[in-house]
Amino acid sequence: MAVTYFVLAWNSDADGHTLEDWEYGSVHTPTMGVALRADDGGEFFATWEQAEWDFGMRIWEGPPRLADHALGNFIDVTEHRLWKPLLGRPLEVILGPDCDGGGRALAWIELRTGVHVARLQAGELDDSDRRTPHKTLGLEGVLVEFDTAP
């Protein structure tokens, strides 16, 4: 399995653009979405979506659905230490409740294998104090939070 993050790019005087920071310990911020490619060739893309007045998560079968300029802003995280325990074995996918009860965006998407969990949620991380960043859920961005199940 392969995992790719799609992050925002910001203008920079040096090289035209830089990717935003995305790694904050057990929380990652692939702002635009996460692409998963299974060993059998299946592809899935999880991104944030607005449902009525709430932001939630949406998972699509197939490659990332992003504008061309956003497709170039990616980071392969397949070998990342927090993803490795989840890869190479069957994943249980648990879908959170609908945000609006109408079958649209989900509150969260959880990928689980054994005791290892990655939860994809719509939200943003305030890293103005990198020692104690805090998350705000229900915003226009993607957060991946890693945990060990009880």
C-alpha atoms as a PDB file:
ATOM      1  CA  MET A   1       0.000   0.000   0.000  1.00  0.00           C
ATOM      2  CA  ALA A   2       1.132   3.558  -0.689  1.00  0.00           C
ATOM      3  CA  VAL A   3       0.065   6.716   1.158  1.00  0.00           C
ATOM      4  CA  THR A   4       0.383  10.228  -0.253  1.00  0.00           C
ATOM      5  CA  TYR A   5      -0.437  13.542   1.430  1.00  0.00           C
ATOM      6  CA  PHE A   6      -1.597  16.555  -0.559  1.00  0.00           C
ATOM      7  CA  VAL A   7      -0.669  19.779   1.196  1.00  0.00           C
ATOM      8  CA  LEU A   8      -1.039  23.457   0.426  1.00  0.00           C
ATOM      9  CA  ALA A   9       1.793  25.352  -1.233  1.00  0.00           C
ATOM     10  CA  TRP A  10       2.618  28.919  -0.312  1.00  0.00           C
ATOM     11  CA  ASN A  11       4.466  31.480  -2.394  1.00  0.00           C
ATOM     12  CA  SER A  12       8.119  31.882  -1.555  1.00  0.00           C
ATOM     13  CA  ASP A  13      10.776  34.272  -2.818  1.00  0.00           C
ATOM     14  CA  ALA A  14      13.391  31.517  -3.004  1.00  0.00           C
ATOM     15  CA  ASP A  15      11.915  28.808  -5.235  1.00  0.00           C
ATOM     16  CA  GLY A  16       8.418  29.903  -6.212  1.00  0.00           C
ATOM     17  CA  HIS A  17       6.600  27.830  -3.594  1.00  0.00           C
ATOM     18  CA  THR A  18       7.090  25.905  -0.407  1.00  0.00           C
ATOM     19  CA  LEU A  19       4.894  23.212   1.092  1.00  0.00           C
ATOM     20  CA  GLU A  20       3.294  23.916   4.433  1.00  0.00           C
ATOM     21  CA  ASP A  21       4.539  22.093   7.513  1.00  0.00           C
ATOM     22  CA  TRP A  22       2.522  18.924   8.017  1.00  0.00           C
ATOM     23  CA  GLU A  23       4.120  16.845  10.792  1.00  0.00           C
ATOM     24  CA  TYR A  24       3.289  17.614  14.436  1.00  0.00           C
ATOM     25  CA  GLY A  25       4.084  14.462  16.395  1.00  0.00           C
ATOM     26  CA  SER A  26       1.103  12.118  16.259  1.00  0.00           C
ATOM     27  CA  VAL A  27      -0.948  14.636  14.232  1.00  0.00           C
ATOM     28  CA  HIS A  28      -0.347  15.250  10.523  1.00  0.00           C
ATOM     29  CA  THR A  29      -1.956  18.002   8.448  1.00  0.00           C
ATOM     30  CA  PRO A  30      -2.290  16.915   4.804  1.00  0.00           C
ATOM     31  CA  THR A  31      -4.564  19.900   4.242  1.00  0.00           C
ATOM     32  CA  MET A  32      -6.077  18.924   0.906  1.00  0.00           C
ATOM     33  CA  GLY A  33      -6.322  15.162   1.401  1.00  0.00           C
ATOM     34  CA  VAL A  34      -4.822  11.685   1.659  1.00  0.00           C
ATOM     35  CA  ALA A  35      -4.461   9.239  -1.238  1.00  0.00           C
ATOM     36  CA  LEU A  36      -4.275   5.524  -0.510  1.00  0.00           C
ATOM     37  CA  ARG A  37      -3.178   3.028  -3.171  1.00  0.00           C
ATOM     38  CA  ALA A  38      -3.689  -0.642  -2.307  1.00  0.00           C
ATOM     39  CA  ASP A  39      -1.374  -3.411  -3.444  1.00  0.00           C
ATOM     40  CA  ASP A  40      -4.129  -4.729  -5.765  1.00  0.00           C
ATOM     41  CA  GLY A  41      -4.215  -1.359  -7.597  1.00  0.00           C
ATOM     42  CA  GLY A  42      -7.300   0.061  -5.921  1.00  0.00           C
ATOM     43  CA  GLU A  43      -7.124   3.796  -5.220  1.00  0.00           C
ATOM     44  CA  PHE A  44      -8.974   5.915  -2.687  1.00  0.00           C
ATOM     45  CA  PHE A  45      -8.835   9.612  -1.878  1.00  0.00           C
ATOM     46  CA  ALA A  46     -10.044  11.168   1.373  1.00  0.00           C
ATOM     47  CA  THR A  47     -10.569  14.916   1.560  1.00  0.00           C
ATOM     48  CA  TRP A  48     -12.616  17.488   3.468  1.00  0.00           C
ATOM     49  CA  GLU A  49     -16.029  18.501   2.242  1.00  0.00           C
ATOM     50  CA  GLN A  50     -18.647  20.954   3.411  1.00  0.00           C
ATOM     51  CA  ALA A  51     -22.042  19.418   4.192  1.00  0.00           C
ATOM     52  CA  GLU A  52     -24.679  22.058   4.830  1.00  0.00           C
ATOM     53  CA  TRP A  53     -22.956  24.228   7.487  1.00  0.00           C
ATOM     54  CA  ASP A  54     -20.479  21.658   8.792  1.00  0.00           C
ATOM     55  CA  PHE A  55     -17.156  20.486   7.376  1.00  0.00           C
ATOM     56  CA  GLY A  56     -16.573  16.754   7.279  1.00  0.00           C
ATOM     57  CA  MET A  57     -14.659  14.045   5.421  1.00  0.00           C
ATOM     58  CA  ARG A  58     -15.422  12.398   2.092  1.00  0.00           C
ATOM     59  CA  ILE A  59     -13.769   9.313   0.624  1.00  0.00           C
ATOM     60  CA  TRP A  60     -13.730   8.736  -3.131  1.00  0.00           C
ATOM     61  CA  GLU A  61     -12.765   5.653  -5.089  1.00  0.00           C
ATOM     62  CA  GLY A  62     -10.131   6.536  -7.652  1.00  0.00           C
ATOM     63  CA  PRO A  63      -7.262   9.023  -7.866  1.00  0.00           C
ATOM     64  CA  PRO A  64      -7.237  12.402  -6.060  1.00  0.00           C
ATOM     65  CA  ARG A  65      -9.881  14.873  -7.188  1.00  0.00           C
ATOM     66  CA  LEU A  66      -7.946  18.121  -6.990  1.00  0.00           C
ATOM     67  CA  ALA A  67      -7.109  21.013  -9.286  1.00  0.00           C
ATOM     68  CA  ASP A  68      -4.003  20.471 -11.411  1.00  0.00           C
ATOM     69  CA  HIS A  69      -1.842  22.904  -9.420  1.00  0.00           C
ATOM     70  CA  ALA A  70      -2.766  21.118  -6.156  1.00  0.00           C
ATOM     71  CA  LEU A  71      -1.847  17.687  -7.564  1.00  0.00           C
ATOM     72  CA  GLY A  72       1.798  18.778  -7.717  1.00  0.00           C
ATOM     73  CA  ASN A  73       1.926  19.492  -3.974  1.00  0.00           C
ATOM     74  CA  PHE A  74       2.301  16.007  -2.595  1.00  0.00           C
ATOM     75  CA  ILE A  75       4.457  14.091  -0.133  1.00  0.00           C
ATOM     76  CA  ASP A  76       4.861  10.298  -0.167  1.00  0.00           C
ATOM     77  CA  VAL A  77       4.523   9.160   3.469  1.00  0.00           C
ATOM     78  CA  THR A  78       4.404   5.402   2.835  1.00  0.00           C
ATOM     79  CA  GLU A  79       7.622   4.854   4.790  1.00  0.00           C
ATOM     80  CA  HIS A  80       6.687   7.171   7.666  1.00  0.00           C
ATOM     81  CA  ARG A  81       7.047   5.456  11.054  1.00  0.00           C
ATOM     82  CA  LEU A  82       3.407   6.139  12.003  1.00  0.00           C
ATOM     83  CA  TRP A  83       2.001   4.733   8.751  1.00  0.00           C
ATOM     84  CA  LYS A  84       4.209   1.621   8.553  1.00  0.00           C
ATOM     85  CA  PRO A  85       2.320  -0.400  11.232  1.00  0.00           C
ATOM     86  CA  LEU A  86      -0.910   0.128   9.243  1.00  0.00           C
ATOM     87  CA  LEU A  87       0.421  -0.965   5.868  1.00  0.00           C
ATOM     88  CA  GLY A  88       0.920  -4.405   4.367  1.00  0.00           C
ATOM     89  CA  ARG A  89      -2.065  -5.983   6.146  1.00  0.00           C
ATOM     90  CA  PRO A  90      -5.849  -5.751   5.822  1.00  0.00           C
ATOM     91  CA  LEU A  91      -7.285  -2.494   7.135  1.00  0.00           C
ATOM     92  CA  GLU A  92     -10.595  -2.156   8.890  1.00  0.00           C
ATOM     93  CA  VAL A  93     -12.279   1.032   7.671  1.00  0.00           C
ATOM     94  CA  ILE A  94     -14.762   2.612  10.070  1.00  0.00           C
ATOM     95  CA  LEU A  95     -16.827   5.533   8.831  1.00  0.00           C
ATOM     96  CA  GLY A  96     -18.004   8.111  11.329  1.00  0.00           C
ATOM     97  CA  PRO A  97     -21.582   9.377  11.298  1.00  0.00           C
ATOM     98  CA  ASP A  98     -22.884  11.672   8.574  1.00  0.00           C
ATOM     99  CA  CYS A  99     -22.405  15.337   9.441  1.00  0.00           C
ATOM    100  CA  ASP A 100     -25.908  16.261   8.341  1.00  0.00           C
ATOM    101  CA  GLY A 101     -27.674  12.899   8.560  1.00  0.00           C
ATOM    102  CA  GLY A 102     -28.213  12.924   4.802  1.00  0.00           C
ATOM    103  CA  GLY A 103     -25.555  10.517   3.574  1.00  0.00           C
ATOM    104  CA  ARG A 104     -23.051  13.217   2.745  1.00  0.00           C
ATOM    105  CA  ALA A 105     -19.786  14.151   4.439  1.00  0.00           C
ATOM    106  CA  LEU A 106     -18.629  12.039   7.389  1.00  0.00           C
ATOM    107  CA  ALA A 107     -17.491  13.254  10.795  1.00  0.00           C
ATOM    108  CA  TRP A 108     -14.368  11.094  10.446  1.00  0.00           C
ATOM    109  CA  ILE A 109     -12.822   8.118   8.665  1.00  0.00           C
ATOM    110  CA  GLU A 110     -10.835   5.650  10.733  1.00  0.00           C
ATOM    111  CA  LEU A 111      -8.267   3.165   9.408  1.00  0.00           C
ATOM    112  CA  ARG A 112      -7.476   0.430  11.895  1.00  0.00           C
ATOM    113  CA  THR A 113      -5.351  -2.688  12.026  1.00  0.00           C
ATOM    114  CA  GLY A 114      -4.879  -4.416  15.341  1.00  0.00           C
ATOM    115  CA  VAL A 115      -4.028  -1.705  17.845  1.00  0.00           C
ATOM    116  CA  HIS A 116      -2.843   0.852  15.276  1.00  0.00           C
ATOM    117  CA  VAL A 117      -5.291   3.595  14.262  1.00  0.00           C
ATOM    118  CA  ALA A 118      -5.220   6.534  11.856  1.00  0.00           C
ATOM    119  CA  ARG A 119      -8.252   8.822  12.094  1.00  0.00           C
ATOM    120  CA  LEU A 120      -8.879  11.288   9.257  1.00  0.00           C
ATOM    121  CA  GLN A 121     -10.891  14.331  10.320  1.00  0.00           C
ATOM    122  CA  ALA A 122     -11.785  17.711   8.893  1.00  0.00           C
ATOM    123  CA  GLY A 123     -10.048  20.417  10.861  1.00  0.00           C
ATOM    124  CA  GLU A 124      -7.042  22.653  11.297  1.00  0.00           C
ATOM    125  CA  LEU A 125      -4.107  22.749  13.663  1.00  0.00           C
ATOM    126  CA  ASP A 126      -3.005  25.969  15.328  1.00  0.00           C
ATOM    127  CA  ASP A 127       0.761  25.692  15.590  1.00  0.00           C
ATOM    128  CA  SER A 128       1.496  29.254  16.703  1.00  0.00           C
ATOM    129  CA  ASP A 129       3.063  27.616  19.742  1.00  0.00           C
ATOM    130  CA  ARG A 130       4.691  24.474  18.290  1.00  0.00           C
ATOM    131  CA  ARG A 131       5.283  23.103  21.795  1.00  0.00           C
ATOM    132  CA  THR A 132       1.543  22.756  22.382  1.00  0.00           C
ATOM    133  CA  PRO A 133      -0.345  22.910  19.077  1.00  0.00           C
ATOM    134  CA  HIS A 134      -4.088  22.411  19.348  1.00  0.00           C
ATOM    135  CA  LYS A 135      -6.621  21.179  16.823  1.00  0.00           C
ATOM    136  CA  THR A 136      -9.980  22.628  15.887  1.00  0.00           C
ATOM    137  CA  LEU A 137     -12.299  20.154  14.200  1.00  0.00           C
ATOM    138  CA  GLY A 138     -14.982  21.016  11.665  1.00  0.00           C
ATOM    139  CA  LEU A 139     -12.856  23.300   9.485  1.00  0.00           C
ATOM    140  CA  GLU A 140     -11.687  23.192   5.882  1.00  0.00           C
ATOM    141  CA  GLY A 141      -8.602  21.010   6.093  1.00  0.00           C
ATOM    142  CA  VAL A 142      -7.584  17.420   6.767  1.00  0.00           C
ATOM    143  CA  LEU A 143      -6.025  16.155   9.987  1.00  0.00           C
ATOM    144  CA  VAL A 144      -4.652  12.634  10.429  1.00  0.00           C
ATOM    145  CA  GLU A 145      -4.323  11.612  14.058  1.00  0.00           C
ATOM    146  CA  PHE A 146      -2.514   8.421  14.992  1.00  0.00           C
ATOM    147  CA  ASP A 147      -3.359   6.458  18.095  1.00  0.00           C
ATOM    148  CA  THR A 148      -3.153   3.024  19.656  1.00  0.00           C
ATOM    149  CA  ALA A 149      -6.509   1.413  20.269  1.00  0.00           C
ATOM    150  CA  PRO A 150      -7.369   0.317  23.806  1.00  0.00           C
END
